[in-house]
């Protein structure tokens, strides 16, 4: 198992807990550290601390450097990820690469109950649908990424570290009010817990888990319906035109989102886009066109609908 190690409290505890697990569990551990190149000497010190932790635990350590700024420089401004999105994408890619090289079948990250609560609250405050309330999943769809600490509060991790004499490094950016998550953590969550519910973390974790279970069940139904209605034709997605007016609204919108995801525009799907696609699929006449994000268009043809790039396969606009 490759542990994503940052040198912070959470990943240090996870690494120690797995590396010292009973032999009967048959867990072999390696540490994987991703250097983002964003915090200068502080980031260099993090890498050195992970190397020292690996030596203390007697486990292999692998380090990769990534360039989130370079990732953001590529592509159009509309499709360009934020710095945090670029860092996350490259980080998980680097971790998977290290896992393959080391022969690790799982990658463990140290997301915990506080992270889950912050994620759910941030999504709620910014506006989200039911799926957003599912929070951080326990594992990736392919089962490679796992998050074993997701139900454990950070305070319990701190107590574990103190009990076992573990040292860790604090990322100075975690204290900056520049980031919404930091403001929520410092200003809002303590007050909500004190004034409304001291079990706030558990309540939000329970909400996320319940919604995640519902979402997994619904996703199966959506995939089954999408496979029956969608087919691929080169760069285009063919969509069956029959029965859209009879579908439940919630299912129709999820199918609209799935169509955008399969066409590479999932991250640009807003509620307004999904509503427009749903109305179009229910009532558009032959020849009508709906313009969508990132140069996509939905076209009504005699035999059905076609979703794809603004330039047709024949090269005509």
Protein backbone atom coordinates (compact mmCIF):
# COMPACT_ATOMS: atom_id res chain seq x y z
CA UNK A 1 0.00 0.00 0.00
CA UNK A 2 1.36 3.39 -1.03
CA UNK A 3 0.60 6.07 1.56
CA UNK A 4 0.29 9.60 0.15
CA UNK A 5 2.63 11.32 2.62
CA UNK A 6 2.84 15.09 2.94
CA UNK A 7 4.73 15.20 6.29
CA UNK A 8 1.63 16.68 7.92
CA UNK A 9 -0.18 15.26 10.95
CA UNK A 10 -2.80 13.26 9.04
CA UNK A 11 -0.55 11.36 6.64
CA UNK A 12 2.11 10.84 9.33
CA UNK A 13 -0.45 9.10 11.54
CA UNK A 14 -1.76 7.04 8.62
CA UNK A 15 1.75 5.96 7.63
CA UNK A 16 2.64 4.97 11.19
CA UNK A 17 -0.64 3.10 11.77
CA UNK A 18 -0.29 1.06 8.58
CA UNK A 19 3.45 0.44 8.91
CA UNK A 20 3.00 -0.86 12.48
CA UNK A 21 -0.20 -2.83 11.79
CA UNK A 22 -0.22 -6.46 13.01
CA UNK A 23 1.61 -8.82 10.67
CA UNK A 24 -1.50 -10.93 10.24
CA UNK A 25 -3.00 -8.06 8.17
CA UNK A 26 -0.16 -8.58 5.68
CA UNK A 27 0.15 -4.90 4.76
CA UNK A 28 3.39 -3.78 3.13
CA UNK A 29 3.79 -0.01 3.16
CA UNK A 30 5.64 2.51 1.05
CA UNK A 31 5.48 6.30 1.24
CA UNK A 32 4.80 8.46 -1.79
CA UNK A 33 5.50 12.19 -1.60
CA UNK A 34 4.50 14.69 -4.30
CA UNK A 35 6.51 17.93 -4.42
CA UNK A 36 4.33 20.62 -6.01
CA UNK A 37 7.10 23.17 -6.35
CA UNK A 38 4.87 25.93 -4.94
CA UNK A 39 6.28 26.66 -1.46
CA UNK A 40 10.03 26.83 -2.00
CA UNK A 41 12.21 25.82 0.94
CA UNK A 42 9.16 24.84 3.00
CA UNK A 43 8.21 22.22 0.40
CA UNK A 44 11.81 20.96 0.28
CA UNK A 45 11.71 20.50 4.05
CA UNK A 46 8.46 18.52 3.70
CA UNK A 47 10.15 16.11 1.31
CA UNK A 48 13.08 15.69 3.71
CA UNK A 49 10.66 15.01 6.59
CA UNK A 50 8.90 12.28 4.59
CA UNK A 51 12.25 10.69 3.82
CA UNK A 52 13.10 10.76 7.54
CA UNK A 53 9.73 9.20 8.41
CA UNK A 54 10.32 6.42 5.90
CA UNK A 55 13.71 5.71 7.45
CA UNK A 56 12.20 5.68 10.95
CA UNK A 57 9.46 3.25 9.89
CA UNK A 58 11.81 1.18 7.73
CA UNK A 59 9.71 1.53 4.57
CA UNK A 60 10.54 2.66 1.01
CA UNK A 61 10.00 6.29 0.02
CA UNK A 62 9.31 7.59 -3.47
CA UNK A 63 9.23 11.30 -4.39
CA UNK A 64 7.85 12.95 -7.54
CA UNK A 65 7.95 16.59 -8.59
CA UNK A 66 5.02 18.08 -10.50
CA UNK A 67 4.40 21.47 -12.12
CA UNK A 68 0.82 22.70 -11.57
CA UNK A 69 1.63 26.11 -13.04
CA UNK A 70 2.81 24.47 -16.25
CA UNK A 71 -0.39 22.42 -16.40
CA UNK A 72 -2.44 25.61 -16.16
CA UNK A 73 -0.49 27.22 -18.98
CA UNK A 74 -1.70 24.61 -21.48
CA UNK A 75 -5.01 24.86 -23.32
CA UNK A 76 -7.61 27.60 -23.65
CA UNK A 77 -8.56 29.83 -20.71
CA UNK A 78 -12.07 28.33 -20.61
CA UNK A 79 -10.76 24.80 -20.22
CA UNK A 80 -7.86 25.76 -17.94
CA UNK A 81 -8.05 24.30 -14.41
CA UNK A 82 -7.49 26.36 -11.30
CA UNK A 83 -4.11 25.99 -9.62
CA UNK A 84 -5.65 23.72 -6.98
CA UNK A 85 -7.40 21.60 -9.63
CA UNK A 86 -4.16 21.28 -11.61
CA UNK A 87 -2.22 20.32 -8.49
CA UNK A 88 -4.81 17.70 -7.52
CA UNK A 89 -4.92 16.19 -11.02
CA UNK A 90 -1.13 15.96 -11.28
CA UNK A 91 -0.77 14.74 -7.69
CA UNK A 92 -3.09 11.78 -8.17
CA UNK A 93 -1.42 10.99 -11.48
CA UNK A 94 1.99 10.99 -9.79
CA UNK A 95 0.74 8.78 -6.95
CA UNK A 96 -0.65 6.23 -9.39
CA UNK A 97 2.64 6.24 -11.28
CA UNK A 98 4.60 5.62 -8.07
CA UNK A 99 2.19 2.85 -7.06
CA UNK A 100 2.73 1.05 -10.38
CA UNK A 101 6.51 1.32 -10.04
CA UNK A 102 6.46 0.00 -6.46
CA UNK A 103 3.92 -2.73 -7.13
CA UNK A 104 1.38 -1.22 -4.73
CA UNK A 105 -2.21 -2.37 -5.27
CA UNK A 106 -3.70 0.45 -3.16
CA UNK A 107 -3.02 4.13 -2.57
CA UNK A 108 -4.12 5.41 0.84
CA UNK A 109 -4.78 9.09 1.47
CA UNK A 110 -5.28 10.63 4.90
CA UNK A 111 -8.57 12.49 4.40
CA UNK A 112 -10.42 12.48 7.73
CA UNK A 113 -13.78 13.47 9.24
CA UNK A 114 -12.91 17.16 9.45
CA UNK A 115 -12.05 17.18 5.74
CA UNK A 116 -15.39 15.52 5.01
CA UNK A 117 -17.34 18.07 7.05
CA UNK A 118 -15.54 20.99 5.42
CA UNK A 119 -16.14 19.59 1.95
CA UNK A 120 -19.88 19.09 2.52
CA UNK A 121 -20.33 22.55 4.05
CA UNK A 122 -18.33 24.30 1.32
CA UNK A 123 -20.37 22.63 -1.40
CA UNK A 124 -23.60 23.49 0.40
CA UNK A 125 -22.62 27.15 0.80
CA UNK A 126 -21.46 27.48 -2.81
CA UNK A 127 -24.50 25.66 -4.18
CA UNK A 128 -24.64 21.97 -4.99
CA UNK A 129 -27.00 19.20 -5.96
CA UNK A 130 -27.62 16.01 -3.99
CA UNK A 131 -24.48 14.35 -5.38
CA UNK A 132 -22.32 17.13 -3.96
CA UNK A 133 -23.53 16.29 -0.46
CA UNK A 134 -21.95 12.85 -0.84
CA UNK A 135 -18.65 14.53 -0.03
CA UNK A 136 -15.36 12.67 -0.36
CA UNK A 137 -15.77 9.01 -1.39
CA UNK A 138 -14.22 6.22 0.65
CA UNK A 139 -12.57 4.82 -2.46
CA UNK A 140 -12.13 5.59 -6.14
CA UNK A 141 -14.37 3.83 -8.69
CA UNK A 142 -11.55 1.40 -9.53
CA UNK A 143 -10.84 0.71 -5.84
CA UNK A 144 -7.20 1.78 -6.05
CA UNK A 145 -7.55 4.97 -3.99
CA UNK A 146 -8.75 4.36 -0.43
CA UNK A 147 -9.37 6.74 2.48
CA UNK A 148 -9.34 4.70 5.71
CA UNK A 149 -9.47 7.71 8.09
CA UNK A 150 -12.60 9.30 6.67
CA UNK A 151 -14.70 8.71 9.81
CA UNK A 152 -11.97 9.75 12.28
CA UNK A 153 -11.76 13.39 13.52
CA UNK A 154 -8.50 15.25 13.34
CA UNK A 155 -8.35 15.61 17.12
CA UNK A 156 -8.19 11.81 17.44
CA UNK A 157 -5.29 11.78 14.98
CA UNK A 158 -3.50 14.39 17.07
CA UNK A 159 -3.94 12.28 20.21
CA UNK A 160 -2.57 9.23 18.35
CA UNK A 161 0.48 11.19 17.21
CA UNK A 162 1.18 12.48 20.72
CA UNK A 163 0.73 9.02 22.23
CA UNK A 164 3.25 7.52 19.80
CA UNK A 165 5.69 10.43 19.91
CA UNK A 166 5.26 11.33 16.25
CA UNK A 167 6.41 14.65 14.88
CA UNK A 168 4.88 16.38 11.89
CA UNK A 169 5.10 19.57 9.88
CA UNK A 170 2.44 22.26 9.58
CA UNK A 171 1.77 23.69 6.12
CA UNK A 172 1.80 27.48 6.60
CA UNK A 173 -0.78 27.90 3.82
CA UNK A 174 -3.34 26.09 6.03
CA UNK A 175 -3.52 29.19 8.22
CA UNK A 176 -4.04 31.66 5.37
CA UNK A 177 -7.53 33.27 5.25
CA UNK A 178 -7.04 33.49 1.50
CA UNK A 179 -8.54 30.02 1.15
CA UNK A 180 -12.26 29.44 1.79
CA UNK A 181 -11.63 26.09 3.46
CA UNK A 182 -9.30 27.70 5.99
CA UNK A 183 -11.84 30.40 6.80
CA UNK A 184 -14.56 27.79 7.26
CA UNK A 185 -12.30 25.70 9.50
CA UNK A 186 -11.21 28.60 11.70
CA UNK A 187 -14.32 30.79 11.89
CA UNK A 188 -17.44 28.79 11.20
CA UNK A 189 -17.17 25.12 12.15
CA UNK A 190 -16.17 25.73 15.80
CA UNK A 191 -19.10 28.12 16.22
CA UNK A 192 -21.60 25.80 14.57
CA UNK A 193 -20.44 22.93 16.77
CA UNK A 194 -20.65 25.03 19.92
CA UNK A 195 -23.99 26.75 19.19
CA UNK A 196 -25.94 24.05 17.36
CA UNK A 197 -24.50 20.55 17.59
CA UNK A 198 -21.29 19.39 19.31
CA UNK A 199 -21.47 16.24 17.13
CA UNK A 200 -21.37 18.32 13.94
CA UNK A 201 -18.55 16.30 12.37
CA UNK A 202 -20.37 13.00 12.94
CA UNK A 203 -23.66 14.42 11.63
CA UNK A 204 -22.05 15.68 8.42
CA UNK A 205 -20.12 12.44 7.95
CA UNK A 206 -23.37 10.48 8.35
CA UNK A 207 -25.09 12.75 5.82
CA UNK A 208 -22.27 12.29 3.33
CA UNK A 209 -22.28 8.52 3.74
CA UNK A 210 -26.07 8.24 3.34
CA UNK A 211 -26.05 10.44 0.25
CA UNK A 212 -23.10 8.55 -1.20
CA UNK A 213 -24.95 5.25 -0.88
CA UNK A 214 -28.02 6.75 -2.61
CA UNK A 215 -25.82 8.29 -5.30
CA UNK A 216 -24.11 4.97 -6.02
CA UNK A 217 -27.48 3.26 -6.44
CA UNK A 218 -28.84 6.07 -8.65
CA UNK A 219 -25.65 6.12 -10.74
CA UNK A 220 -26.19 2.48 -11.62
CA UNK A 221 -29.67 3.26 -12.94
CA UNK A 222 -28.41 6.31 -14.86
CA UNK A 223 -25.59 4.31 -16.47
CA UNK A 224 -28.01 1.59 -17.53
CA UNK A 225 -30.41 4.14 -19.08
CA UNK A 226 -27.57 6.07 -20.73
CA UNK A 227 -26.10 2.92 -22.28
CA UNK A 228 -29.53 2.18 -23.78
CA UNK A 229 -29.95 5.70 -25.18
CA UNK A 230 -26.42 6.80 -26.12
CA UNK A 231 -24.05 5.50 -28.77
CA UNK A 232 -20.69 6.75 -29.99
CA UNK A 233 -20.09 7.91 -33.57
CA UNK A 234 -16.56 9.23 -33.84
CA UNK A 235 -16.38 12.57 -32.04
CA UNK A 236 -20.16 12.64 -31.67
CA UNK A 237 -22.53 11.15 -29.14
CA UNK A 238 -25.74 9.85 -30.68
CA UNK A 239 -28.82 10.19 -28.43
CA UNK A 240 -32.07 8.32 -28.95
CA UNK A 241 -34.95 10.80 -29.27
CA UNK A 242 -37.75 8.60 -27.95
CA UNK A 243 -39.47 8.88 -24.58
CA UNK A 244 -37.81 11.98 -23.11
CA UNK A 245 -41.13 13.59 -22.14
CA UNK A 246 -42.04 10.51 -20.09
CA UNK A 247 -38.83 10.39 -18.05
CA UNK A 248 -38.84 11.67 -14.46
CA UNK A 249 -37.25 15.13 -14.40
CA UNK A 250 -34.47 14.03 -12.03
CA UNK A 251 -33.49 11.16 -14.34
CA UNK A 252 -33.61 13.34 -17.46
CA UNK A 253 -31.24 15.87 -15.88
CA UNK A 254 -28.85 13.17 -14.77
CA UNK A 255 -28.84 11.80 -18.30
CA UNK A 256 -28.13 15.29 -19.61
CA UNK A 257 -25.14 15.51 -17.25
CA UNK A 258 -23.97 12.05 -18.30
CA UNK A 259 -24.10 13.12 -21.95
CA UNK A 260 -21.87 16.11 -21.18
CA UNK A 261 -19.49 13.92 -19.15
CA UNK A 262 -19.18 11.44 -22.02
CA UNK A 263 -18.49 14.37 -24.34
CA UNK A 264 -15.70 15.75 -22.13
CA UNK A 265 -17.60 18.74 -20.69
CA UNK A 266 -18.70 17.36 -17.33
CA UNK A 267 -16.86 19.98 -15.25
CA UNK A 268 -18.67 22.77 -17.14
CA UNK A 269 -22.18 21.44 -16.54
CA UNK A 270 -24.32 23.92 -14.59
CA UNK A 271 -27.93 23.58 -13.52
CA UNK A 272 -28.90 26.03 -16.28
CA UNK A 273 -27.16 23.90 -18.92
CA UNK A 274 -28.88 20.75 -17.72
CA UNK A 275 -32.29 22.42 -17.76
CA UNK A 276 -31.73 23.70 -21.30
CA UNK A 277 -30.59 20.27 -22.51
CA UNK A 278 -33.58 18.60 -20.88
CA UNK A 279 -36.06 21.00 -22.51
CA UNK A 280 -34.31 20.62 -25.85
CA UNK A 281 -34.42 16.82 -25.72
CA UNK A 282 -38.14 16.92 -24.92
CA UNK A 283 -39.30 19.37 -27.58
CA UNK A 284 -36.73 20.35 -30.23
CA UNK A 285 -37.78 20.15 -33.88
CA UNK A 286 -35.58 18.73 -36.63
CA UNK A 287 -32.77 21.11 -37.56
CA UNK A 288 -32.68 22.96 -34.25
CA UNK A 289 -29.29 23.47 -32.55
CA UNK A 290 -28.40 24.10 -28.90
CA UNK A 291 -24.98 25.66 -28.26
CA UNK A 292 -23.24 24.31 -25.15
CA UNK A 293 -19.97 24.88 -23.21
CA UNK A 294 -16.47 24.27 -24.62
CA UNK A 295 -17.59 24.37 -28.24
CA UNK A 296 -20.19 21.59 -28.04
CA UNK A 297 -23.55 21.64 -29.76
CA UNK A 298 -26.63 19.48 -29.50
CA UNK A 299 -28.35 18.98 -32.86
CA UNK A 300 -31.84 17.60 -33.54
CA UNK A 301 -31.87 15.37 -36.59
CA UNK A 302 -34.52 13.15 -38.11
CA UNK A 303 -33.12 9.99 -36.55
CA UNK A 304 -32.42 11.51 -33.14
CA UNK A 305 -29.98 13.88 -31.46
CA UNK A 306 -26.27 14.40 -31.95
CA UNK A 307 -23.95 15.93 -29.33
CA UNK A 308 -20.42 16.91 -30.28
CA UNK A 309 -18.02 19.61 -31.50
CA UNK A 310 -19.26 22.64 -33.39
CA UNK A 311 -17.35 21.48 -36.46
CA UNK A 312 -19.07 18.44 -37.97
CA UNK A 313 -17.17 15.26 -38.88
CA UNK A 314 -17.32 16.35 -42.53
CA UNK A 315 -15.64 19.65 -41.66
CA UNK A 316 -18.72 21.83 -42.22
CA UNK A 317 -19.81 24.33 -39.58
